[in-house]
Protein backbone atom coordinates (compact mmCIF):
# COMPACT_ATOMS: atom_id res chain seq x y z
CA MET A 1 -6.45 -129.73 12.43
CA SER A 2 -6.40 -126.51 10.41
CA ALA A 3 -5.84 -123.14 12.06
CA VAL A 4 -9.43 -122.12 11.28
CA ALA A 5 -10.84 -125.30 12.80
CA ALA A 6 -8.70 -124.79 15.88
CA GLU A 7 -9.82 -121.17 16.24
CA PHE A 8 -13.54 -121.90 16.22
CA GLY A 9 -13.85 -125.47 17.45
CA LYS A 10 -17.07 -127.35 16.74
CA VAL A 11 -19.69 -124.93 15.36
CA ALA A 12 -23.46 -125.40 15.25
CA VAL A 13 -25.29 -123.61 12.45
CA LEU A 14 -28.77 -123.11 13.88
CA MET A 15 -31.33 -123.25 11.09
CA GLY A 16 -34.97 -124.09 10.44
CA GLY A 17 -36.72 -123.65 13.76
CA PRO A 18 -40.47 -123.40 14.39
CA SER A 19 -41.22 -119.91 13.03
CA ALA A 20 -43.19 -118.88 9.97
CA GLU A 21 -39.82 -118.16 8.32
CA ARG A 22 -38.54 -121.74 8.65
CA GLU A 23 -38.26 -122.28 4.89
CA ILE A 24 -35.99 -119.27 4.41
CA SER A 25 -33.97 -120.12 7.50
CA LEU A 26 -33.13 -123.53 6.04
CA LEU A 27 -31.91 -121.84 2.85
CA SER A 28 -29.82 -119.37 4.86
CA GLY A 29 -28.43 -122.00 7.20
CA ASN A 30 -27.36 -124.36 4.45
CA ALA A 31 -25.62 -121.53 2.59
CA VAL A 32 -23.73 -120.55 5.78
CA LEU A 33 -22.90 -124.19 6.53
CA LYS A 34 -21.41 -124.69 3.07
CA ALA A 35 -19.38 -121.46 3.29
CA LEU A 36 -17.96 -122.24 6.74
CA ARG A 37 -16.98 -125.74 5.67
CA GLU A 38 -15.25 -124.29 2.59
CA ARG A 39 -13.10 -122.27 4.97
CA GLY A 40 -12.22 -125.33 7.05
CA VAL A 41 -14.61 -124.75 9.97
CA ASP A 42 -15.94 -127.88 11.71
CA ALA A 43 -19.56 -126.80 11.18
CA HIS A 44 -22.70 -128.89 11.61
CA PRO A 45 -26.42 -128.22 10.98
CA PHE A 46 -28.70 -128.04 14.01
CA ASP A 47 -32.47 -127.58 13.74
CA PRO A 48 -34.09 -126.56 17.07
CA ALA A 49 -37.48 -127.63 15.73
CA GLU A 50 -36.25 -131.22 15.52
CA ARG A 51 -33.78 -131.42 18.38
CA ASN A 52 -33.57 -130.15 21.95
CA LEU A 53 -31.35 -127.08 22.05
CA PHE A 54 -29.72 -128.33 25.24
CA GLU A 55 -28.10 -131.16 23.24
CA LEU A 56 -25.61 -128.54 22.07
CA ALA A 57 -23.83 -128.61 25.42
CA GLY A 58 -23.56 -132.38 25.54
CA GLU A 59 -22.19 -132.62 22.01
CA GLY A 60 -19.25 -130.30 22.57
CA TYR A 61 -20.22 -127.29 20.49
CA SER A 62 -18.06 -124.27 21.20
CA ARG A 63 -19.92 -121.68 19.05
CA ALA A 64 -23.29 -121.22 17.39
CA PHE A 65 -23.99 -119.37 14.15
CA ILE A 66 -27.63 -118.27 14.34
CA ALA A 67 -29.23 -118.55 10.91
CA LEU A 68 -32.74 -118.69 12.38
CA HIS A 69 -35.29 -116.08 11.33
CA GLY A 70 -38.42 -114.84 13.07
CA ARG A 71 -39.73 -115.95 16.43
CA PHE A 72 -37.56 -118.17 18.60
CA GLY A 73 -34.51 -117.44 16.47
CA GLU A 74 -34.53 -113.66 16.31
CA ASP A 75 -36.50 -112.56 19.37
CA GLY A 76 -34.05 -113.23 22.21
CA THR A 77 -35.41 -116.69 23.04
CA VAL A 78 -32.62 -118.80 21.54
CA GLN A 79 -30.07 -116.18 22.60
CA GLY A 80 -31.14 -116.60 26.21
CA ALA A 81 -30.90 -120.39 25.97
CA LEU A 82 -27.39 -120.16 24.51
CA GLU A 83 -26.35 -117.81 27.30
CA THR A 84 -27.62 -120.34 29.82
CA LEU A 85 -25.49 -122.98 28.08
CA LYS A 86 -22.55 -120.54 27.95
CA ILE A 87 -22.16 -121.12 24.20
CA PRO A 88 -21.01 -118.01 22.29
CA TYR A 89 -23.42 -117.06 19.49
CA THR A 90 -23.51 -114.66 16.57
CA GLY A 91 -25.52 -111.46 16.37
CA SER A 92 -27.31 -109.34 18.93
CA GLY A 93 -27.89 -110.26 22.56
CA VAL A 94 -31.11 -111.10 24.38
CA MET A 95 -32.40 -107.57 25.00
CA ALA A 96 -31.59 -106.14 21.57
CA SER A 97 -32.97 -109.21 19.78
CA ALA A 98 -36.26 -109.02 21.69
CA LEU A 99 -36.56 -105.27 21.17
CA ALA A 100 -35.73 -105.32 17.47
CA MET A 101 -38.25 -108.11 16.86
CA ASP A 102 -40.97 -105.81 18.25
CA LYS A 103 -41.50 -103.10 15.62
CA TRP A 104 -43.65 -101.01 17.98
CA ARG A 105 -41.12 -100.83 20.78
CA THR A 106 -38.29 -100.28 18.30
CA LYS A 107 -40.23 -97.26 17.05
CA LEU A 108 -40.60 -95.95 20.60
CA VAL A 109 -36.83 -96.12 21.11
CA TRP A 110 -36.11 -94.55 17.72
CA LEU A 111 -38.58 -91.71 18.22
CA ALA A 112 -37.14 -90.98 21.66
CA SER A 113 -33.67 -90.89 20.11
CA GLY A 114 -34.48 -88.71 17.10
CA ILE A 115 -34.31 -91.54 14.55
CA PRO A 116 -36.93 -90.91 11.82
CA THR A 117 -39.61 -93.59 11.39
CA PRO A 118 -43.10 -93.50 9.82
CA ARG A 119 -46.08 -92.30 11.84
CA TYR A 120 -48.24 -95.12 13.15
CA ARG A 121 -50.96 -96.34 15.48
CA VAL A 122 -51.30 -99.59 17.43
CA ALA A 123 -54.55 -101.26 16.32
CA THR A 124 -57.09 -103.43 18.12
CA ALA A 125 -60.56 -104.70 17.27
CA ALA A 126 -61.92 -101.53 18.91
CA THR A 127 -59.84 -99.12 16.80
CA ASP A 128 -61.66 -96.24 15.11
CA TRP A 129 -60.61 -97.09 11.55
CA MET A 130 -61.80 -93.86 9.99
CA GLY A 131 -60.07 -91.93 12.76
CA VAL A 132 -56.81 -93.63 11.79
CA VAL A 133 -57.36 -92.71 8.14
CA ALA A 134 -58.08 -89.10 9.09
CA GLU A 135 -54.84 -88.97 11.08
CA LEU A 136 -52.43 -90.94 8.89
CA GLY A 137 -54.03 -90.65 5.45
CA LEU A 138 -54.03 -93.26 2.70
CA PRO A 139 -52.46 -95.58 1.67
CA LEU A 140 -51.69 -97.38 4.94
CA ILE A 141 -49.54 -100.38 5.82
CA VAL A 142 -51.03 -102.87 8.29
CA LYS A 143 -48.62 -105.40 9.77
CA PRO A 144 -47.96 -107.74 12.68
CA ALA A 145 -45.52 -106.06 15.04
CA ARG A 146 -43.44 -109.19 15.65
CA GLU A 147 -43.15 -110.98 12.32
CA GLY A 148 -40.63 -110.64 9.52
CA SER A 149 -40.28 -111.27 5.78
CA THR A 150 -43.42 -109.20 5.06
CA ILE A 151 -45.59 -111.98 6.56
CA GLY A 152 -49.13 -110.79 7.32
CA ILE A 153 -48.62 -107.33 5.79
CA THR A 154 -51.36 -105.58 3.78
CA LYS A 155 -51.27 -102.29 1.92
CA VAL A 156 -54.63 -100.54 2.23
CA ALA A 157 -55.35 -97.92 -0.44
CA ALA A 158 -59.13 -97.58 0.03
CA VAL A 159 -61.59 -98.00 2.89
CA ASP A 160 -64.90 -98.36 1.03
CA HIS A 161 -65.44 -102.02 1.92
CA ASP A 162 -64.00 -102.47 5.42
CA GLU A 163 -60.52 -102.98 3.99
CA LEU A 164 -58.72 -101.63 7.06
CA ARG A 165 -60.50 -103.91 9.51
CA LEU A 166 -59.93 -106.91 7.21
CA ALA A 167 -56.22 -106.05 6.96
CA TRP A 168 -56.04 -105.81 10.75
CA ALA A 169 -57.70 -109.24 11.03
CA GLU A 170 -55.13 -110.73 8.64
CA ALA A 171 -52.23 -109.25 10.64
CA ALA A 172 -53.82 -110.35 13.93
CA ARG A 173 -53.76 -113.95 12.68
CA HIS A 174 -49.98 -113.74 13.03
CA ASP A 175 -49.64 -111.52 16.11
CA ALA A 176 -51.90 -110.00 18.75
CA LEU A 177 -49.91 -106.75 18.41
CA VAL A 178 -50.73 -105.00 15.12
CA LEU A 179 -49.43 -101.71 13.72
CA ILE A 180 -51.06 -99.40 11.21
CA GLU A 181 -48.38 -97.26 9.61
CA GLU A 182 -48.44 -94.39 7.15
CA PHE A 183 -47.29 -95.48 3.71
CA VAL A 184 -44.04 -93.73 2.86
CA SER A 185 -43.51 -93.34 -0.87
CA GLY A 186 -39.98 -93.28 -2.21
CA ILE A 187 -36.88 -95.33 -2.90
CA GLU A 188 -36.52 -98.54 -0.91
CA LEU A 189 -33.05 -98.92 0.61
CA THR A 190 -31.40 -101.37 2.94
CA ALA A 191 -28.36 -100.76 5.12
CA SER A 192 -26.24 -103.69 6.28
CA ILE A 193 -24.21 -103.53 9.47
CA VAL A 194 -21.28 -105.87 10.11
CA ASP A 195 -18.87 -105.59 13.00
CA GLY A 196 -19.42 -101.90 13.68
CA ARG A 197 -19.41 -100.65 10.10
CA ALA A 198 -22.20 -99.79 7.69
CA LEU A 199 -21.77 -101.45 4.30
CA PRO A 200 -22.75 -99.87 0.96
CA LEU A 201 -26.50 -99.24 0.64
CA ILE A 202 -28.63 -101.35 -1.68
CA ARG A 203 -31.49 -99.86 -3.69
CA ILE A 204 -34.40 -102.23 -4.31
CA GLU A 205 -36.83 -102.15 -7.22
CA ALA A 206 -39.55 -104.79 -6.91
CA PRO A 207 -42.20 -105.64 -9.54
CA GLN A 208 -45.01 -103.07 -9.27
CA GLY A 209 -43.22 -101.76 -6.18
CA ASN A 210 -44.38 -104.81 -4.23
CA TYR A 211 -41.43 -106.13 -2.24
CA ASP A 212 -43.33 -109.04 -0.70
CA TYR A 213 -42.29 -112.51 0.52
CA HIS A 214 -42.02 -113.92 -3.00
CA SER A 215 -40.15 -110.87 -4.32
CA LYS A 216 -37.68 -111.03 -1.44
CA TYR A 217 -36.68 -114.65 -1.74
CA PHE A 218 -37.78 -116.25 -4.99
CA SER A 219 -38.36 -113.67 -7.72
CA ASP A 220 -35.78 -112.94 -10.39
CA GLU A 221 -37.74 -109.81 -11.37
CA THR A 222 -36.75 -107.87 -8.25
CA LYS A 223 -33.76 -105.66 -9.06
CA TYR A 224 -31.00 -104.73 -6.64
CA PHE A 225 -28.57 -101.89 -7.18
CA CYS A 226 -25.30 -101.77 -5.26
CA PRO A 227 -23.84 -99.16 -5.53
CA SER A 228 -27.24 -97.66 -4.80
CA GLY A 229 -26.88 -94.75 -7.20
CA ILE A 230 -27.97 -92.10 -4.69
CA PRO A 231 -25.68 -89.08 -4.12
CA ALA A 232 -22.52 -90.04 -2.24
CA ALA A 233 -22.96 -87.45 0.53
CA LEU A 234 -26.52 -88.61 1.18
CA GLU A 235 -25.45 -92.26 1.21
CA ASP A 236 -22.73 -91.45 3.76
CA GLU A 237 -25.29 -89.66 5.94
CA ILE A 238 -27.75 -92.55 5.76
CA ARG A 239 -25.06 -95.13 6.52
CA ALA A 240 -23.98 -93.17 9.60
CA ARG A 241 -27.60 -92.76 10.73
CA SER A 242 -28.19 -96.47 10.13
CA LEU A 243 -25.33 -97.35 12.44
CA ALA A 244 -26.78 -95.02 15.07
CA ALA A 245 -30.26 -96.59 14.67
CA PHE A 246 -28.68 -100.04 15.05
CA ASP A 247 -26.66 -99.06 18.11
CA VAL A 248 -29.46 -97.29 19.99
CA VAL A 249 -31.56 -100.46 19.94
CA GLY A 250 -28.56 -102.21 21.51
CA CYS A 251 -27.80 -104.39 18.50
CA SER A 252 -24.37 -105.89 17.91
CA GLY A 253 -22.45 -108.13 15.54
CA TRP A 254 -24.41 -107.85 12.34
CA GLY A 255 -27.85 -106.95 11.04
CA ARG A 256 -29.80 -105.02 8.44
CA LEU A 257 -32.02 -101.93 8.50
CA ASP A 258 -34.76 -101.22 5.96
CA LEU A 259 -35.68 -97.64 5.09
CA ILE A 260 -37.45 -95.45 2.56
CA LEU A 261 -35.84 -92.39 0.93
CA ARG A 262 -38.38 -89.74 -0.07
CA THR A 263 -38.05 -87.51 -3.11
CA ASP A 264 -37.25 -84.52 -0.87
CA GLY A 265 -34.15 -86.29 0.52
CA SER A 266 -35.66 -87.16 3.90
CA TYR A 267 -35.85 -90.80 4.96
CA SER A 268 -37.58 -93.06 7.46
CA PHE A 269 -36.38 -96.29 9.04
CA LEU A 270 -38.91 -99.13 8.93
CA GLU A 271 -37.28 -101.85 10.98
CA VAL A 272 -34.05 -103.54 12.02
CA ASN A 273 -33.36 -107.24 11.39
CA THR A 274 -30.94 -108.92 13.79
CA SER A 275 -30.68 -112.21 11.86
CA PRO A 276 -31.08 -111.30 8.18
CA GLY A 277 -31.33 -113.73 5.31
CA MET A 278 -28.20 -115.37 3.95
CA THR A 279 -29.70 -116.86 0.78
CA GLY A 280 -28.82 -116.34 -2.87
CA HIS A 281 -31.16 -113.33 -2.94
CA SER A 282 -30.02 -111.90 0.39
CA LEU A 283 -28.88 -108.35 0.88
CA VAL A 284 -26.13 -108.42 3.51
CA PRO A 285 -23.94 -110.73 1.36
CA MET A 286 -24.61 -108.46 -1.64
CA ALA A 287 -23.48 -105.37 0.25
CA ALA A 288 -20.45 -107.21 1.64
CA ARG A 289 -19.47 -108.27 -1.86
CA GLU A 290 -19.59 -104.64 -3.00
CA ALA A 291 -17.31 -103.80 -0.06
CA GLY A 292 -14.84 -106.50 -1.17
CA THR A 293 -15.83 -109.31 1.20
CA SER A 294 -16.78 -112.71 -0.22
CA PHE A 295 -19.65 -114.73 1.22
CA PRO A 296 -17.39 -117.26 3.00
CA ASP A 297 -15.27 -114.45 4.44
CA LEU A 298 -18.44 -112.68 5.60
CA CYS A 299 -19.57 -115.83 7.40
CA ILE A 300 -16.16 -116.15 9.06
CA GLU A 301 -16.25 -112.50 10.18
CA ILE A 302 -19.71 -112.92 11.66
CA LEU A 303 -18.69 -116.16 13.41
CA ARG A 304 -15.57 -114.51 14.79
CA GLY A 305 -17.84 -112.01 16.57
CA ALA A 306 -19.71 -114.73 18.48
CA HIS A 307 -20.15 -113.84 22.15
CA VAL A 308 -21.99 -114.66 25.36
CA GLY A 309 -23.78 -111.72 26.96
């Protein structure tokens, strides 16, 4: 048995799952599985949508690499099950995972802690749509509070034909909790956190500025710049603030924060992802590569941080 295999034991790479992000999770999980095996780890795929999670205990798994995205995988549910089984797992714990998955409650924590985030309102069927427009202006972003990968999100630039209510209805198909957020114009950035350090920022340029589900995972037209090209002092400030935004939510291990940099140099954090993508288009591996860490070494570092509680 190799030293790496002995260090980690039998490892389950949790992938797939029942969420709306299953397709991307399978891509992430298989990439992680391949990388871990390249480094000599005794890693095996495990899909909680097809197997009972409690089989992990009976099959002798000593660690779990969570490559699940969205609900069940990223919201504290699977983390709680793994804690019950006493199997160390990667990423944030139960509380931080649940909180970060809820964009509304993340905003409440950030606002209370002085972390900048766009102005917003929680929307229901009874919301005064024109009152929201008067308060937040146009355009607006309407999104489910507990989904990822831009699922269910609509940008509303006009309200002549009930667009805001229709956007709310689309978001409500995915989640009963819906946010309407001011649209922040500027440079789209992402900050990756791994093991207590903020990696180099990535600047994103999507076709027509539309960084949607397709642009994130399948488009070759989306451009990524790492180094980001923003002034070094500003990048250092944002990286430090990103780490603070990550920590105040209680996150640990690894994750990614998305933010917008305005032309005046101010910035707003949009959300934190506690189980980011690990596909060929994914951003954490890109930032790690810029920092001198290969994809397999990144996977090993994340796995080494597996914990219970």
